[in-house]
Amino acid sequence: MEIVRIPKPEELDPEDQRFLEATKAWFKIGFVPKMSRVLRVVPEFGRPYGRASRRAMGDGALTRGQKELVAATVSAINVCEY
């Protein structure tokens, strides 16, 4: 159950809608994750968080795929629905 109102993509301004389209392309998915929409509600937090997340998920000691596998495993262990 959400405690923060999650805006629908069409409710956001054009700049935020472009961000959401870029998010779908980055993750190679056909939908916008709820967290991405929540982060647009408070731009002074969401934008730096998004930039840091993209830097962290780039290839390095682990590939992006390996990092996503670790994240999925941690989410499953924590019974996270996201």
Protein backbone atom coordinates (compact mmCIF):
# COMPACT_ATOMS: atom_id res chain seq x y z
CA MET A 1 0.00 0.00 0.00
CA GLU A 2 1.46 3.34 -1.05
CA ILE A 3 1.58 6.21 1.43
CA VAL A 4 2.77 8.70 -1.20
CA ARG A 5 0.51 9.56 -4.10
CA ILE A 6 2.14 8.22 -7.23
CA PRO A 7 1.40 10.47 -10.20
CA LYS A 8 0.33 9.00 -13.50
CA PRO A 9 2.88 9.70 -16.25
CA GLU A 10 0.43 11.95 -18.12
CA GLU A 11 0.03 14.15 -15.02
CA LEU A 12 3.71 15.15 -15.10
CA ASP A 13 5.17 18.06 -17.03
CA PRO A 14 6.84 17.42 -20.41
CA GLU A 15 10.38 17.40 -18.97
CA ASP A 16 9.39 14.74 -16.45
CA GLN A 17 7.64 12.74 -19.16
CA ARG A 18 10.89 12.76 -21.20
CA PHE A 19 12.69 11.51 -18.10
CA LEU A 20 10.20 8.66 -17.76
CA GLU A 21 10.68 7.69 -21.41
CA ALA A 22 14.45 7.69 -20.84
CA THR A 23 13.94 5.50 -17.77
CA LYS A 24 12.05 2.93 -19.84
CA ALA A 25 14.84 2.95 -22.41
CA TRP A 26 17.58 2.70 -19.75
CA PHE A 27 15.98 -0.33 -18.09
CA LYS A 28 14.76 -1.74 -21.42
CA ILE A 29 11.21 -2.14 -20.10
CA GLY A 30 7.81 -1.12 -21.40
CA PHE A 31 6.58 0.59 -18.24
CA VAL A 32 7.72 3.24 -15.79
CA PRO A 33 8.56 1.90 -12.33
CA LYS A 34 6.58 3.47 -9.48
CA MET A 35 9.78 4.60 -7.78
CA SER A 36 10.75 6.61 -10.86
CA ARG A 37 7.42 8.43 -10.72
CA VAL A 38 7.70 9.06 -6.98
CA LEU A 39 11.16 10.58 -7.44
CA ARG A 40 9.69 13.14 -9.86
CA VAL A 41 7.37 14.45 -7.11
CA VAL A 42 10.32 15.91 -5.17
CA PRO A 43 12.74 16.98 -7.94
CA GLU A 44 15.43 18.35 -5.62
CA PHE A 45 15.82 14.81 -4.25
CA GLY A 46 14.74 12.72 -7.21
CA ARG A 47 17.00 14.15 -9.89
CA PRO A 48 20.31 13.76 -7.97
CA TYR A 49 19.17 10.31 -6.79
CA GLY A 50 18.46 9.26 -10.37
CA ARG A 51 21.85 10.48 -11.57
CA ALA A 52 23.63 8.63 -8.75
CA SER A 53 21.66 5.48 -9.50
CA ARG A 54 22.60 5.54 -13.19
CA ARG A 55 26.28 6.01 -12.28
CA ALA A 56 26.13 3.16 -9.77
CA MET A 57 24.52 0.78 -12.24
CA GLY A 58 27.09 1.32 -15.00
CA ASP A 59 29.61 -1.38 -15.77
CA GLY A 60 32.60 -1.50 -13.43
CA ALA A 61 33.91 -4.36 -11.30
CA LEU A 62 30.51 -5.94 -11.94
CA THR A 63 28.48 -5.62 -15.11
CA ARG A 64 25.11 -3.91 -15.04
CA GLY A 65 23.48 -7.32 -15.42
CA GLN A 66 25.34 -8.70 -12.42
CA LYS A 67 24.36 -5.66 -10.33
CA GLU A 68 20.71 -6.09 -11.32
CA LEU A 69 20.89 -9.76 -10.36
CA VAL A 70 22.26 -8.81 -6.92
CA ALA A 71 19.50 -6.18 -6.54
CA ALA A 72 16.79 -8.67 -7.54
CA THR A 73 18.13 -11.24 -5.08
CA VAL A 74 18.22 -8.71 -2.22
CA SER A 75 14.67 -7.59 -3.10
CA ALA A 76 13.46 -11.20 -3.06
CA ILE A 77 15.10 -11.87 0.31
CA ASN A 78 13.46 -8.73 1.69
CA VAL A 79 10.10 -9.70 0.13
CA CYS A 80 10.06 -6.38 -1.72
CA GLU A 81 7.28 -6.09 -4.31
CA TYR A 82 9.38 -3.76 -6.45
